Amino acid sequence: MDKQQLKDDYGVELWDQDRIQAFRETVLSWYDAHKRELPWRETRDPYKIWISEIMLQQTQVKTVIPYYKRFLEAFPTVEDLADAYEDDLLKVWEGLGYYSRARNMHTAAQQIVQEFGGVFPSNMKGLKSLRGIGPYTAGAIGSICFGLVEPAVDGNLMRVIARLFEVDLDVKQAKNRKVFQAIAEHLIDPDRPGDFNQALMDIGATICTSKNYHPERSPLKEFNSSYVNETWEYYPVTSKNKPPTPYTYLAIIVRDAERQYLMEKRPNEGLLSNMWTYPLIDVKDLDETGWRAVQLTAIEHLDDEMSGQVEHIMADRYNLPLTIRPQVDGDVVHVFSHQKWTLYLIVADLQVEAVTDNIPDNCQWIAPDEFSQYTFPVVQQKLVTAYREQTLF
């Protein structure tokens, strides 16, 4: 998209070439003096850069650093990652969330080994052919590792550009990304594209932030139209996110005579796939099977009818005759990007006649000292912590 089209169609008036060059020099001078010292900036290995970029999606830098180091210790090469068992991979990833990122990396590593002979593709077409790699990640890897003159356009960069040029386009609408991409293509430094991208990443993350933004402190203030015109509070333009859909679950805690806890491996598709949790009962399931709808709002105990419903479900699904303790043993709230879970901990005792080896194939009895061998999602870790606050294993 050329400058004239940007102006005519979107009202974005780009600078002349001299000002663009001055902008590049300002950005890179600031980066040379103030860049963040990060472990993945010590290398140009595309495998390591890729790992860092995927981890940094939806995760803060300070959280990523220890995971990045542990991940490379466990899977030092792309071949090691391609050959990994998924359970081992998810265990190393445990706690980072958005586990589809790890699964996509696993698939992409296998693509690199099988389709590219174990060598990372060095062009945009090859990079974007890999599972889980979109335009931003391809631009980051391509520019940093291979010197490709490709911008890495993410939320940080769109926020910076929106303020620089007072772009009146919603940054959350996918159709507008091409405009920010086109602007970035005009701005990127052709000699140091990787450093240029990383500089704007740092400026967006540390100075041109979404909150607590002080444009007068920015090295880019002389180029920033929203600062000069005192309109910076209006940019970037963003639509409101839809609130996450609420769900309510009962987390059933069952312990056998050996003090092992019943755990269930979730299906291999969907949210938290292939990870382990206490048995979870979605209260919506009660309606589907004819039981009375249950609304749990700061509930402290179950009445006899509700306890009976839970006992019925556990006997039907897990072949376990149980007696429910009516007192709720704590609650946990966990928010995913599109769902908000409220979970109530319900302790159940095995009845005398219970046979514990008839549980479904996707379930196991697991002792607390074995928990570290299983992949627990963050929500399950919260449940374990909440239960520990009420009692001791």
Protein backbone atom coordinates (compact mmCIF):
# COMPACT_ATOMS: atom_id res chain seq x y z
CA MET A 1 0.00 0.00 0.00
CA ASP A 2 1.61 3.27 -1.10
CA LYS A 3 1.60 6.60 0.74
CA GLN A 4 -1.12 8.09 -1.43
CA GLN A 5 -3.52 5.22 -0.78
CA LEU A 6 -2.87 5.47 2.96
CA LYS A 7 -3.78 9.14 2.80
CA ASP A 8 -6.78 8.85 0.48
CA ASP A 9 -8.37 5.75 1.96
CA TYR A 10 -7.42 5.98 5.65
CA GLY A 11 -6.43 9.59 6.32
CA VAL A 12 -2.87 8.63 7.26
CA GLU A 13 -0.30 11.09 5.99
CA LEU A 14 3.18 9.58 6.11
CA TRP A 15 6.33 11.64 6.43
CA ASP A 16 8.73 12.40 3.62
CA GLN A 17 11.80 10.22 3.25
CA ASP A 18 14.09 12.55 5.21
CA ARG A 19 11.79 12.49 8.22
CA ILE A 20 11.43 8.71 7.98
CA GLN A 21 15.21 8.41 8.01
CA ALA A 22 15.44 10.72 11.02
CA PHE A 23 12.83 8.56 12.77
CA ARG A 24 14.82 5.38 12.07
CA GLU A 25 18.00 6.94 13.45
CA THR A 26 16.18 8.09 16.59
CA VAL A 27 14.66 4.67 17.18
CA LEU A 28 17.93 2.80 16.73
CA SER A 29 20.00 5.26 18.76
CA TRP A 30 17.57 4.87 21.64
CA TYR A 31 17.70 1.08 21.30
CA ASP A 32 21.49 0.98 21.30
CA ALA A 33 21.52 2.94 24.55
CA HIS A 34 18.48 1.54 26.35
CA LYS A 35 17.56 -1.91 25.00
CA ARG A 36 16.44 -4.47 27.53
CA GLU A 37 18.95 -7.20 28.30
CA LEU A 38 17.02 -10.38 27.59
CA PRO A 39 18.36 -13.94 27.22
CA TRP A 40 16.98 -14.40 23.71
CA ARG A 41 18.81 -11.28 22.57
CA GLU A 42 22.10 -13.07 23.11
CA THR A 43 21.51 -15.19 20.00
CA ARG A 44 20.34 -15.11 16.39
CA ASP A 45 19.42 -18.80 16.45
CA PRO A 46 15.94 -18.90 14.86
CA TYR A 47 14.91 -21.84 17.04
CA LYS A 48 15.60 -19.88 20.24
CA ILE A 49 14.07 -16.68 18.89
CA TRP A 50 10.98 -18.65 17.88
CA ILE A 51 10.62 -20.14 21.37
CA SER A 52 10.83 -16.69 22.94
CA GLU A 53 8.35 -15.11 20.53
CA ILE A 54 5.74 -17.81 21.07
CA MET A 55 6.14 -17.62 24.85
CA LEU A 56 5.85 -13.83 24.79
CA GLN A 57 2.44 -14.03 23.16
CA GLN A 58 -0.02 -13.06 25.91
CA THR A 59 2.66 -13.45 28.61
CA GLN A 60 4.84 -10.85 30.34
CA VAL A 61 8.60 -10.83 29.84
CA LYS A 62 9.43 -11.39 33.52
CA THR A 63 7.25 -14.50 33.53
CA VAL A 64 8.72 -15.85 30.30
CA ILE A 65 12.43 -15.69 31.21
CA PRO A 66 12.58 -18.71 33.59
CA TYR A 67 10.29 -20.73 31.32
CA TYR A 68 12.47 -19.92 28.32
CA LYS A 69 15.59 -21.17 30.09
CA ARG A 70 13.92 -24.35 31.36
CA PHE A 71 12.42 -25.05 27.94
CA LEU A 72 15.79 -24.89 26.21
CA GLU A 73 17.32 -27.13 28.85
CA ALA A 74 14.61 -29.71 28.18
CA PHE A 75 14.52 -29.29 24.38
CA PRO A 76 17.81 -27.71 23.25
CA THR A 77 17.22 -28.30 19.51
CA VAL A 78 14.30 -28.39 17.15
CA GLU A 79 14.86 -32.13 16.74
CA ASP A 80 14.50 -32.60 20.51
CA LEU A 81 11.22 -30.72 20.45
CA ALA A 82 9.94 -32.64 17.43
CA ASP A 83 10.69 -35.96 19.16
CA ALA A 84 9.19 -34.96 22.52
CA TYR A 85 6.18 -36.66 24.07
CA GLU A 86 3.33 -34.22 24.38
CA ASP A 87 2.94 -34.90 28.11
CA ASP A 88 6.60 -34.00 28.66
CA LEU A 89 6.21 -30.84 26.61
CA LEU A 90 3.10 -29.74 28.48
CA LYS A 91 4.78 -30.39 31.81
CA VAL A 92 7.64 -28.03 30.89
CA TRP A 93 5.07 -25.50 29.68
CA GLU A 94 2.90 -25.91 32.78
CA GLY A 95 1.82 -22.57 34.23
CA LEU A 96 2.33 -20.48 31.09
CA GLY A 97 -1.25 -21.00 29.96
CA TYR A 98 -2.67 -20.94 26.43
CA TYR A 99 -1.41 -24.48 25.94
CA SER A 100 -2.34 -24.52 22.26
CA ARG A 101 0.85 -22.49 21.77
CA ALA A 102 2.94 -25.43 22.98
CA ARG A 103 1.03 -27.94 20.88
CA ASN A 104 1.41 -25.77 17.79
CA MET A 105 5.15 -25.51 18.45
CA HIS A 106 5.35 -29.29 18.68
CA THR A 107 3.65 -29.64 15.29
CA ALA A 108 5.81 -26.89 13.76
CA ALA A 109 9.00 -28.55 15.02
CA GLN A 110 7.93 -31.76 13.31
CA GLN A 111 7.27 -29.76 10.10
CA ILE A 112 10.76 -28.27 10.26
CA VAL A 113 12.32 -31.72 10.66
CA GLN A 114 10.18 -33.46 8.06
CA GLU A 115 9.72 -30.73 5.44
CA PHE A 116 12.84 -28.57 5.87
CA GLY A 117 15.44 -31.14 6.89
CA GLY A 118 15.73 -29.74 10.39
CA VAL A 119 16.73 -26.29 9.11
CA PHE A 120 14.55 -23.31 9.98
CA PRO A 121 13.07 -21.72 6.83
CA SER A 122 14.65 -18.34 6.13
CA ASN A 123 11.91 -16.70 4.06
CA MET A 124 8.45 -15.42 4.94
CA LYS A 125 6.60 -18.05 2.92
CA GLY A 126 8.40 -20.87 4.70
CA LEU A 127 8.04 -19.28 8.12
CA LYS A 128 4.31 -18.68 7.73
CA SER A 129 3.81 -22.26 6.58
CA LEU A 130 4.68 -23.45 10.08
CA ARG A 131 1.87 -24.21 12.52
CA GLY A 132 1.20 -21.34 14.90
CA ILE A 133 3.35 -18.78 13.07
CA GLY A 134 1.45 -15.78 11.73
CA PRO A 135 2.63 -12.54 10.13
CA TYR A 136 3.91 -11.02 13.39
CA THR A 137 5.99 -14.01 14.49
CA ALA A 138 7.28 -14.58 10.95
CA GLY A 139 8.29 -10.91 10.75
CA ALA A 140 10.06 -11.08 14.10
CA ILE A 141 12.00 -14.26 13.29
CA GLY A 142 12.71 -13.20 9.72
CA SER A 143 14.01 -9.76 10.62
CA ILE A 144 16.00 -10.73 13.73
CA CYS A 145 17.54 -13.95 12.43
CA PHE A 146 17.75 -13.51 8.67
CA GLY A 147 17.76 -9.74 8.15
CA LEU A 148 14.47 -9.78 6.22
CA VAL A 149 13.06 -6.27 5.89
CA GLU A 150 9.75 -7.27 7.42
CA PRO A 151 7.95 -5.45 10.25
CA ALA A 152 6.69 -7.37 13.27
CA VAL A 153 3.26 -5.86 13.80
CA ASP A 154 1.69 -6.74 17.13
CA GLY A 155 -0.42 -4.83 19.64
CA ASN A 156 2.58 -2.89 20.91
CA LEU A 157 3.54 -1.69 17.44
CA MET A 158 -0.02 -0.82 16.46
CA ARG A 159 -0.36 1.26 19.62
CA VAL A 160 2.85 3.16 18.80
CA ILE A 161 1.83 3.76 15.18
CA ALA A 162 -1.70 4.80 16.13
CA ARG A 163 -0.29 7.54 18.35
CA LEU A 164 2.42 8.62 15.93
CA PHE A 165 -0.03 9.23 13.07
CA GLU A 166 -3.35 9.62 14.93
CA VAL A 167 -4.78 6.58 13.17
CA ASP A 168 -8.54 6.52 13.68
CA LEU A 169 -8.90 2.77 13.14
CA ASP A 170 -9.86 0.20 15.73
CA VAL A 171 -6.70 -1.79 16.49
CA LYS A 172 -8.79 -4.78 17.59
CA GLN A 173 -10.47 -5.24 14.22
CA ALA A 174 -8.49 -7.70 12.10
CA LYS A 175 -9.38 -5.89 8.88
CA ASN A 176 -7.39 -2.83 10.03
CA ARG A 177 -4.16 -4.70 10.59
CA LYS A 178 -3.17 -4.27 6.94
CA VAL A 179 -3.06 -0.49 7.42
CA PHE A 180 -0.67 -0.70 10.36
CA GLN A 181 1.35 -3.26 8.42
CA ALA A 182 1.63 -0.90 5.45
CA ILE A 183 2.73 2.01 7.64
CA ALA A 184 5.34 -0.16 9.34
CA GLU A 185 6.67 -1.31 5.95
CA HIS A 186 7.41 2.31 5.07
CA LEU A 187 9.08 3.01 8.43
CA ILE A 188 11.26 -0.09 8.98
CA ASP A 189 15.01 0.39 8.70
CA PRO A 190 16.33 -1.70 5.76
CA ASP A 191 19.81 -2.08 7.24
CA ARG A 192 18.85 -3.12 10.78
CA PRO A 193 15.30 -4.48 10.50
CA GLY A 194 15.59 -6.83 13.47
CA ASP A 195 16.91 -4.15 15.80
CA PHE A 196 14.28 -1.71 14.54
CA ASN A 197 11.47 -4.15 15.32
CA GLN A 198 12.89 -4.94 18.74
CA ALA A 199 13.34 -1.24 19.49
CA LEU A 200 9.68 -0.53 18.83
CA MET A 201 8.75 -3.59 20.88
CA ASP A 202 10.70 -2.15 23.81
CA ILE A 203 9.30 1.35 23.38
CA GLY A 204 5.77 -0.04 23.24
CA ALA A 205 6.32 -2.27 26.26
CA THR A 206 8.12 0.21 28.51
CA ILE A 207 7.25 3.78 27.39
CA CYS A 208 4.36 3.91 24.93
CA THR A 209 2.29 1.68 27.18
CA SER A 210 -1.46 1.21 27.18
CA LYS A 211 -1.69 2.60 30.73
CA ASN A 212 0.33 5.15 32.69
CA TYR A 213 1.62 6.56 29.42
CA HIS A 214 3.71 9.76 29.57
CA PRO A 215 4.43 10.83 25.97
CA GLU A 216 6.68 13.66 27.11
CA ARG A 217 9.18 11.02 28.25
CA SER A 218 9.23 9.20 24.92
CA PRO A 219 12.24 9.38 22.58
CA LEU A 220 9.67 9.61 19.77
CA LYS A 221 7.79 12.65 21.06
CA GLU A 222 8.98 14.97 18.28
CA PHE A 223 7.48 12.53 15.73
CA ASN A 224 4.32 11.88 17.73
CA SER A 225 1.34 13.75 16.24
CA SER A 226 -0.91 12.77 19.13
CA TYR A 227 1.58 14.34 21.56
CA VAL A 228 2.03 17.51 19.51
CA ASN A 229 -1.75 17.86 19.08
CA GLU A 230 -2.51 16.79 22.67
CA THR A 231 -4.78 13.98 21.46
CA TRP A 232 -2.75 11.03 22.78
CA GLU A 233 -5.46 10.03 25.26
CA TYR A 234 -7.69 9.08 22.31
CA TYR A 235 -5.25 6.60 20.77
CA PRO A 236 -5.20 3.82 19.99
CA VAL A 237 -8.86 3.46 19.09
CA THR A 238 -10.12 0.24 20.64
CA SER A 239 -13.49 -1.46 20.89
CA LYS A 240 -14.52 -2.94 24.19
CA ASN A 241 -13.91 -6.63 24.70
CA LYS A 242 -16.91 -8.82 25.22
CA PRO A 243 -17.03 -10.02 28.83
CA PRO A 244 -15.99 -13.66 29.25
CA THR A 245 -18.81 -16.19 29.40
CA PRO A 246 -19.38 -17.37 32.99
CA TYR A 247 -19.29 -21.05 33.89
CA THR A 248 -19.79 -22.71 37.25
CA TYR A 249 -18.24 -26.04 38.20
CA LEU A 250 -18.10 -28.35 41.16
CA ALA A 251 -14.58 -29.70 41.70
CA ILE A 252 -15.00 -33.06 43.40
CA ILE A 253 -12.22 -34.11 45.76
CA VAL A 254 -12.14 -37.84 46.42
CA ARG A 255 -9.37 -39.60 48.37
CA ASP A 256 -8.88 -43.36 48.65
CA ALA A 257 -7.52 -45.43 51.55
CA GLU A 258 -3.92 -44.85 50.34
CA ARG A 259 -4.49 -41.07 50.49
CA GLN A 260 -4.43 -40.81 46.71
CA TYR A 261 -6.70 -38.36 44.92
CA LEU A 262 -8.95 -39.07 41.97
CA MET A 263 -7.74 -37.13 38.93
CA GLU A 264 -9.17 -37.02 35.42
CA LYS A 265 -7.32 -36.40 32.16
CA ARG A 266 -9.33 -34.05 30.02
CA PRO A 267 -10.17 -34.87 26.38
CA ASN A 268 -7.56 -34.29 23.67
CA GLU A 269 -9.66 -31.48 22.17
CA GLY A 270 -10.93 -28.29 23.70
CA LEU A 271 -9.94 -26.16 26.66
CA LEU A 272 -7.20 -27.65 28.90
CA SER A 273 -6.96 -30.67 26.60
CA ASN A 274 -4.84 -33.61 27.81
CA MET A 275 -4.24 -32.05 31.24
CA TRP A 276 -5.21 -33.35 34.65
CA THR A 277 -7.81 -31.96 37.04
CA TYR A 278 -10.09 -33.08 39.81
CA PRO A 279 -13.37 -34.37 38.35
CA LEU A 280 -15.33 -31.27 37.33
CA ILE A 281 -19.12 -31.13 37.12
CA ASP A 282 -20.52 -28.29 35.03
CA VAL A 283 -23.76 -27.25 36.70
CA LYS A 284 -25.27 -26.85 33.24
CA ASP A 285 -25.07 -30.63 32.92
CA LEU A 286 -27.66 -30.95 35.65
CA ASP A 287 -30.34 -29.52 33.38
CA GLU A 288 -29.40 -31.79 30.48
CA THR A 289 -29.97 -34.88 32.59
CA GLY A 290 -33.20 -33.64 34.14
CA TRP A 291 -31.82 -32.45 37.47
CA ARG A 292 -32.79 -29.12 38.93
CA ALA A 293 -30.68 -26.16 37.79
CA VAL A 294 -28.21 -25.10 40.41
CA GLN A 295 -27.22 -21.48 40.86
CA LEU A 296 -24.12 -21.26 43.02
CA THR A 297 -23.50 -17.75 44.29
CA ALA A 298 -21.17 -17.60 47.27
CA ILE A 299 -22.64 -20.90 48.40
CA GLU A 300 -21.30 -22.34 51.64
CA HIS A 301 -22.97 -25.76 51.73
CA LEU A 302 -25.05 -28.13 49.60
CA ASP A 303 -28.53 -29.14 50.67
CA ASP A 304 -29.61 -32.78 50.64
CA GLU A 305 -31.04 -32.61 47.12
CA MET A 306 -27.94 -31.02 45.65
CA SER A 307 -25.69 -33.53 47.42
CA GLY A 308 -27.78 -36.37 46.04
CA GLN A 309 -27.45 -35.00 42.51
CA VAL A 310 -23.66 -34.89 42.79
CA GLU A 311 -23.53 -38.42 44.22
CA HIS A 312 -25.65 -39.65 41.32
CA ILE A 313 -23.34 -38.06 38.72
CA MET A 314 -20.19 -39.44 40.35
CA ALA A 315 -21.65 -42.94 40.50
CA ASP A 316 -22.76 -42.74 36.87
CA ARG A 317 -19.57 -41.24 35.40
CA TYR A 318 -16.85 -42.65 37.64
CA ASN A 319 -18.35 -45.87 39.06
CA LEU A 320 -17.79 -44.60 42.57
CA PRO A 321 -20.38 -44.72 45.36
CA LEU A 322 -19.74 -41.58 47.41
CA THR A 323 -21.11 -39.60 50.29
CA ILE A 324 -20.88 -35.87 49.73
CA ARG A 325 -19.83 -33.63 52.58
CA PRO A 326 -22.29 -30.73 52.44
CA GLN A 327 -19.83 -28.05 53.52
CA VAL A 328 -18.08 -26.33 50.59
CA ASP A 329 -14.31 -26.43 51.13
CA GLY A 330 -13.41 -23.25 49.28
CA ASP A 331 -13.83 -21.70 45.87
CA VAL A 332 -11.63 -20.61 42.98
CA VAL A 333 -12.20 -18.09 40.19
CA HIS A 334 -10.16 -18.41 37.01
CA VAL A 335 -10.52 -16.22 33.91
CA PHE A 336 -9.55 -17.46 30.47
CA SER A 337 -9.58 -15.13 27.46
CA HIS A 338 -13.21 -15.99 26.69
CA GLN A 339 -14.51 -17.81 29.76
CA LYS A 340 -14.74 -17.10 33.47
CA TRP A 341 -14.84 -20.20 35.67
CA THR A 342 -16.10 -20.26 39.24
CA LEU A 343 -15.32 -23.57 40.90
CA TYR A 344 -16.50 -24.85 44.28
CA LEU A 345 -14.51 -27.53 46.08
CA ILE A 346 -16.70 -30.40 47.20
CA VAL A 347 -15.17 -33.18 49.32
CA ALA A 348 -16.62 -36.67 48.91
CA ASP A 349 -15.99 -39.81 50.97
CA LEU A 350 -15.87 -43.27 49.45
CA GLN A 351 -18.59 -45.53 50.75
CA VAL A 352 -17.58 -48.78 52.43
CA GLU A 353 -18.53 -50.93 49.44
CA ALA A 354 -16.67 -48.76 46.93
CA VAL A 355 -14.36 -50.53 44.47
CA THR A 356 -11.70 -48.03 43.39
CA ASP A 357 -10.26 -49.84 40.36
CA ASN A 358 -13.39 -49.47 38.20
CA ILE A 359 -12.80 -45.83 37.40
CA PRO A 360 -12.76 -44.75 33.71
CA ASP A 361 -9.59 -45.20 31.65
CA ASN A 362 -8.89 -41.47 31.61
CA CYS A 363 -8.78 -41.32 35.42
CA GLN A 364 -6.09 -42.22 37.94
CA TRP A 365 -5.53 -42.23 41.67
CA ILE A 366 -2.55 -39.94 42.28
CA ALA A 367 -0.68 -39.29 45.52
CA PRO A 368 0.31 -35.70 46.36
CA ASP A 369 4.02 -36.50 46.08
CA GLU A 370 3.34 -37.61 42.48
CA PHE A 371 1.57 -34.41 41.42
CA SER A 372 4.77 -33.02 39.93
CA GLN A 373 4.78 -35.83 37.38
CA TYR A 374 1.46 -34.73 35.89
CA THR A 375 0.55 -31.63 33.91
CA PHE A 376 -1.84 -29.50 35.92
CA PRO A 377 -3.32 -26.36 34.34
CA VAL A 378 -3.24 -23.18 36.40
CA VAL A 379 -6.85 -23.59 37.43
CA GLN A 380 -6.05 -27.03 38.91
CA GLN A 381 -3.05 -25.59 40.73
CA LYS A 382 -5.39 -23.00 42.23
CA LEU A 383 -7.76 -25.77 43.34
CA VAL A 384 -4.94 -27.69 45.02
CA THR A 385 -3.80 -24.54 46.82
CA ALA A 386 -7.33 -23.69 47.93
CA TYR A 387 -7.84 -27.20 49.29
CA ARG A 388 -4.50 -27.12 51.10
CA GLU A 389 -5.60 -23.94 52.82
CA GLN A 390 -8.51 -25.86 54.30
CA THR A 391 -6.72 -29.07 55.21
CA LEU A 392 -3.40 -30.91 54.96
CA PHE A 393 -2.61 -33.75 52.58
